[in-house]
Amino acid sequence: MLTVVYAQATASNGVKQFSLPKPSFSAQLIQGLTGAQPSNVWFVLIGSYPSLTDALNNAKTLKSRFPAFQVDVYAPNQSISNYSLVIGANLTEAQAQALREKAVAAGMPASYRTFSNLPLP
């Protein structure tokens, strides 16, 4: 069995967008027949900055300080007015909680959340 990994849409400046993962054909079929919603809609956030420059600079610092974590910058959306630093995207709630605990144990302030009305990629 193969595992599918989805990436977030990335702008030319390296900033990603909060969005739902692109569902596989079988997931689309199941969702269409049952109305089931995807469960991998959680994100682990470690920072929020009003300017893109601050977010990019802090992401660079955190990447060097915590090399075990992938730090990405996400653009503001309807729910968050600032740029966000994210270390986990499109996770289940259990995966997000586990990653948050790992980040906190490493010394990072982290939280996890989902957003209503995430757009498709």
C-alpha atoms as a PDB file:
ATOM      1  CA  MET A   1       0.000   0.000   0.000  1.00  0.00           C
ATOM      2  CA  LEU A   2       1.328   3.448  -0.899  1.00  0.00           C
ATOM      3  CA  THR A   3       1.151   6.518   1.294  1.00  0.00           C
ATOM      4  CA  VAL A   4       0.184   9.785  -0.346  1.00  0.00           C
ATOM      5  CA  VAL A   5       1.747  13.043   0.870  1.00  0.00           C
ATOM      6  CA  TYR A   6       0.192  16.378  -0.021  1.00  0.00           C
ATOM      7  CA  ALA A   7       2.016  19.706  -0.140  1.00  0.00           C
ATOM      8  CA  GLN A   8       0.452  23.073   0.402  1.00  0.00           C
ATOM      9  CA  ALA A   9       0.277  25.583  -2.422  1.00  0.00           C
ATOM     10  CA  THR A  10       3.371  27.771  -2.323  1.00  0.00           C
ATOM     11  CA  ALA A  11       3.678  31.302  -3.675  1.00  0.00           C
ATOM     12  CA  SER A  12       6.819  32.473  -5.466  1.00  0.00           C
ATOM     13  CA  ASN A  13       8.107  34.022  -2.220  1.00  0.00           C
ATOM     14  CA  GLY A  14       8.002  30.634  -0.455  1.00  0.00           C
ATOM     15  CA  VAL A  15       4.860  31.439   1.543  1.00  0.00           C
ATOM     16  CA  LYS A  16       2.257  28.669   1.720  1.00  0.00           C
ATOM     17  CA  GLN A  17      -1.526  28.890   1.917  1.00  0.00           C
ATOM     18  CA  PHE A  18      -3.753  27.148   4.456  1.00  0.00           C
ATOM     19  CA  SER A  19      -5.853  24.698   2.439  1.00  0.00           C
ATOM     20  CA  LEU A  20      -7.336  21.235   2.484  1.00  0.00           C
ATOM     21  CA  PRO A  21      -5.212  18.430   1.094  1.00  0.00           C
ATOM     22  CA  LYS A  22      -6.106  17.288  -2.397  1.00  0.00           C
ATOM     23  CA  PRO A  23      -8.126  14.089  -1.905  1.00  0.00           C
ATOM     24  CA  SER A  24      -7.271  10.913  -3.794  1.00  0.00           C
ATOM     25  CA  PHE A  25      -9.793   9.502  -6.244  1.00  0.00           C
ATOM     26  CA  SER A  26     -10.937   6.883  -3.728  1.00  0.00           C
ATOM     27  CA  ALA A  27     -11.309   9.524  -0.993  1.00  0.00           C
ATOM     28  CA  GLN A  28     -13.383  11.672  -3.356  1.00  0.00           C
ATOM     29  CA  LEU A  29     -15.587   8.670  -4.122  1.00  0.00           C
ATOM     30  CA  ILE A  30     -16.103   7.848  -0.434  1.00  0.00           C
ATOM     31  CA  GLN A  31     -16.757  11.495   0.425  1.00  0.00           C
ATOM     32  CA  GLY A  32     -19.288  11.718  -2.401  1.00  0.00           C
ATOM     33  CA  LEU A  33     -21.122   8.566  -1.372  1.00  0.00           C
ATOM     34  CA  THR A  34     -21.070   9.033   2.400  1.00  0.00           C
ATOM     35  CA  GLY A  35     -20.597  12.754   2.941  1.00  0.00           C
ATOM     36  CA  ALA A  36     -17.525  11.980   5.073  1.00  0.00           C
ATOM     37  CA  GLN A  37     -15.201  14.898   5.679  1.00  0.00           C
ATOM     38  CA  PRO A  38     -11.383  14.652   5.655  1.00  0.00           C
ATOM     39  CA  SER A  39      -9.812  14.291   9.087  1.00  0.00           C
ATOM     40  CA  ASN A  40      -6.364  15.604   8.158  1.00  0.00           C
ATOM     41  CA  VAL A  41      -7.240  19.274   8.515  1.00  0.00           C
ATOM     42  CA  TRP A  42      -5.082  20.206  11.527  1.00  0.00           C
ATOM     43  CA  PHE A  43      -2.032  22.496  11.605  1.00  0.00           C
ATOM     44  CA  VAL A  44       0.664  22.953  14.280  1.00  0.00           C
ATOM     45  CA  LEU A  45       1.604  26.614  14.690  1.00  0.00           C
ATOM     46  CA  ILE A  46       4.647  28.001  16.490  1.00  0.00           C
ATOM     47  CA  GLY A  47       4.423  31.725  15.795  1.00  0.00           C
ATOM     48  CA  SER A  48       2.495  34.609  14.325  1.00  0.00           C
ATOM     49  CA  TYR A  49       3.964  37.795  12.806  1.00  0.00           C
ATOM     50  CA  PRO A  50       2.333  40.897  11.305  1.00  0.00           C
ATOM     51  CA  SER A  51       4.928  41.288   8.536  1.00  0.00           C
ATOM     52  CA  LEU A  52       6.263  38.822   6.011  1.00  0.00           C
ATOM     53  CA  THR A  53       9.830  39.974   6.714  1.00  0.00           C
ATOM     54  CA  ASP A  54       9.491  39.183  10.440  1.00  0.00           C
ATOM     55  CA  ALA A  55       7.953  35.793   9.678  1.00  0.00           C
ATOM     56  CA  LEU A  56      10.697  34.835   7.204  1.00  0.00           C
ATOM     57  CA  ASN A  57      13.479  36.007   9.544  1.00  0.00           C
ATOM     58  CA  ASN A  58      12.045  34.107  12.512  1.00  0.00           C
ATOM     59  CA  ALA A  59      11.470  31.005  10.384  1.00  0.00           C
ATOM     60  CA  LYS A  60      15.143  31.058   9.390  1.00  0.00           C
ATOM     61  CA  THR A  61      16.218  31.413  13.035  1.00  0.00           C
ATOM     62  CA  LEU A  62      13.950  28.588  14.188  1.00  0.00           C
ATOM     63  CA  LYS A  63      15.070  26.297  11.363  1.00  0.00           C
ATOM     64  CA  SER A  64      18.685  26.646  12.515  1.00  0.00           C
ATOM     65  CA  ARG A  65      17.804  26.354  16.212  1.00  0.00           C
ATOM     66  CA  PHE A  66      15.445  23.363  15.761  1.00  0.00           C
ATOM     67  CA  PRO A  67      16.707  21.439  12.713  1.00  0.00           C
ATOM     68  CA  ALA A  68      14.490  18.429  13.514  1.00  0.00           C
ATOM     69  CA  PHE A  69      11.409  20.474  12.563  1.00  0.00           C
ATOM     70  CA  GLN A  70      10.319  21.723   9.138  1.00  0.00           C
ATOM     71  CA  VAL A  71       9.289  25.374   9.600  1.00  0.00           C
ATOM     72  CA  ASP A  72       7.097  26.937   6.899  1.00  0.00           C
ATOM     73  CA  VAL A  73       5.592  30.406   6.567  1.00  0.00           C
ATOM     74  CA  TYR A  74       1.852  30.597   5.817  1.00  0.00           C
ATOM     75  CA  ALA A  75       0.011  33.632   4.515  1.00  0.00           C
ATOM     76  CA  PRO A  76      -2.823  35.269   6.458  1.00  0.00           C
ATOM     77  CA  ASN A  77      -6.321  33.957   5.776  1.00  0.00           C
ATOM     78  CA  GLN A  78      -9.877  34.704   6.881  1.00  0.00           C
ATOM     79  CA  SER A  79      -9.191  33.274  10.357  1.00  0.00           C
ATOM     80  CA  ILE A  80      -5.653  34.597  10.996  1.00  0.00           C
ATOM     81  CA  SER A  81      -4.623  38.135  10.104  1.00  0.00           C
ATOM     82  CA  ASN A  82      -0.866  37.543  10.557  1.00  0.00           C
ATOM     83  CA  TYR A  83       1.719  35.368   8.843  1.00  0.00           C
ATOM     84  CA  SER A  84       2.029  32.044  10.673  1.00  0.00           C
ATOM     85  CA  LEU A  85       4.981  29.736  11.278  1.00  0.00           C
ATOM     86  CA  VAL A  86       3.808  26.146  10.870  1.00  0.00           C
ATOM     87  CA  ILE A  87       5.665  22.913  11.652  1.00  0.00           C
ATOM     88  CA  GLY A  88       2.898  20.496  10.643  1.00  0.00           C
ATOM     89  CA  ALA A  89       0.130  20.718   8.043  1.00  0.00           C
ATOM     90  CA  ASN A  90      -2.809  18.565   7.023  1.00  0.00           C
ATOM     91  CA  LEU A  91      -2.516  16.298  10.038  1.00  0.00           C
ATOM     92  CA  THR A  92      -5.170  14.396  11.944  1.00  0.00           C
ATOM     93  CA  GLU A  93      -5.949  15.804  15.357  1.00  0.00           C
ATOM     94  CA  ALA A  94      -3.973  13.002  17.048  1.00  0.00           C
ATOM     95  CA  GLN A  95      -0.947  13.648  14.816  1.00  0.00           C
ATOM     96  CA  ALA A  96      -1.152  17.396  15.494  1.00  0.00           C
ATOM     97  CA  GLN A  97      -1.362  16.844  19.240  1.00  0.00           C
ATOM     98  CA  ALA A  98       1.656  14.505  19.170  1.00  0.00           C
ATOM     99  CA  LEU A  99       3.721  16.961  17.100  1.00  0.00           C
ATOM    100  CA  ARG A 100       2.749  19.816  19.409  1.00  0.00           C
ATOM    101  CA  GLU A 101       3.925  17.792  22.420  1.00  0.00           C
ATOM    102  CA  LYS A 102       7.219  17.016  20.668  1.00  0.00           C
ATOM    103  CA  ALA A 103       7.720  20.714  19.857  1.00  0.00           C
ATOM    104  CA  VAL A 104       6.948  21.816  23.412  1.00  0.00           C
ATOM    105  CA  ALA A 105       9.385  19.200  24.763  1.00  0.00           C
ATOM    106  CA  ALA A 106      12.037  20.669  22.429  1.00  0.00           C
ATOM    107  CA  GLY A 107      11.399  24.158  23.836  1.00  0.00           C
ATOM    108  CA  MET A 108       9.068  25.654  21.237  1.00  0.00           C
ATOM    109  CA  PRO A 109       5.767  27.285  22.125  1.00  0.00           C
ATOM    110  CA  ALA A 110       3.298  25.442  19.922  1.00  0.00           C
ATOM    111  CA  SER A 111      -0.420  25.087  19.431  1.00  0.00           C
ATOM    112  CA  TYR A 112      -2.580  23.162  16.999  1.00  0.00           C
ATOM    113  CA  ARG A 113      -5.801  24.140  15.301  1.00  0.00           C
ATOM    114  CA  THR A 114      -8.002  23.728  12.298  1.00  0.00           C
ATOM    115  CA  PHE A 115      -9.903  26.292  10.276  1.00  0.00           C
ATOM    116  CA  SER A 116     -13.454  26.309   9.030  1.00  0.00           C
ATOM    117  CA  ASN A 117     -13.966  26.601   5.280  1.00  0.00           C
ATOM    118  CA  LEU A 118     -10.440  25.734   4.168  1.00  0.00           C
ATOM    119  CA  PRO A 119     -10.189  25.996   0.384  1.00  0.00           C
ATOM    120  CA  LEU A 120      -9.165  23.073  -1.804  1.00  0.00           C
ATOM    121  CA  PRO A 121      -5.593  23.312  -3.142  1.00  0.00           C
END
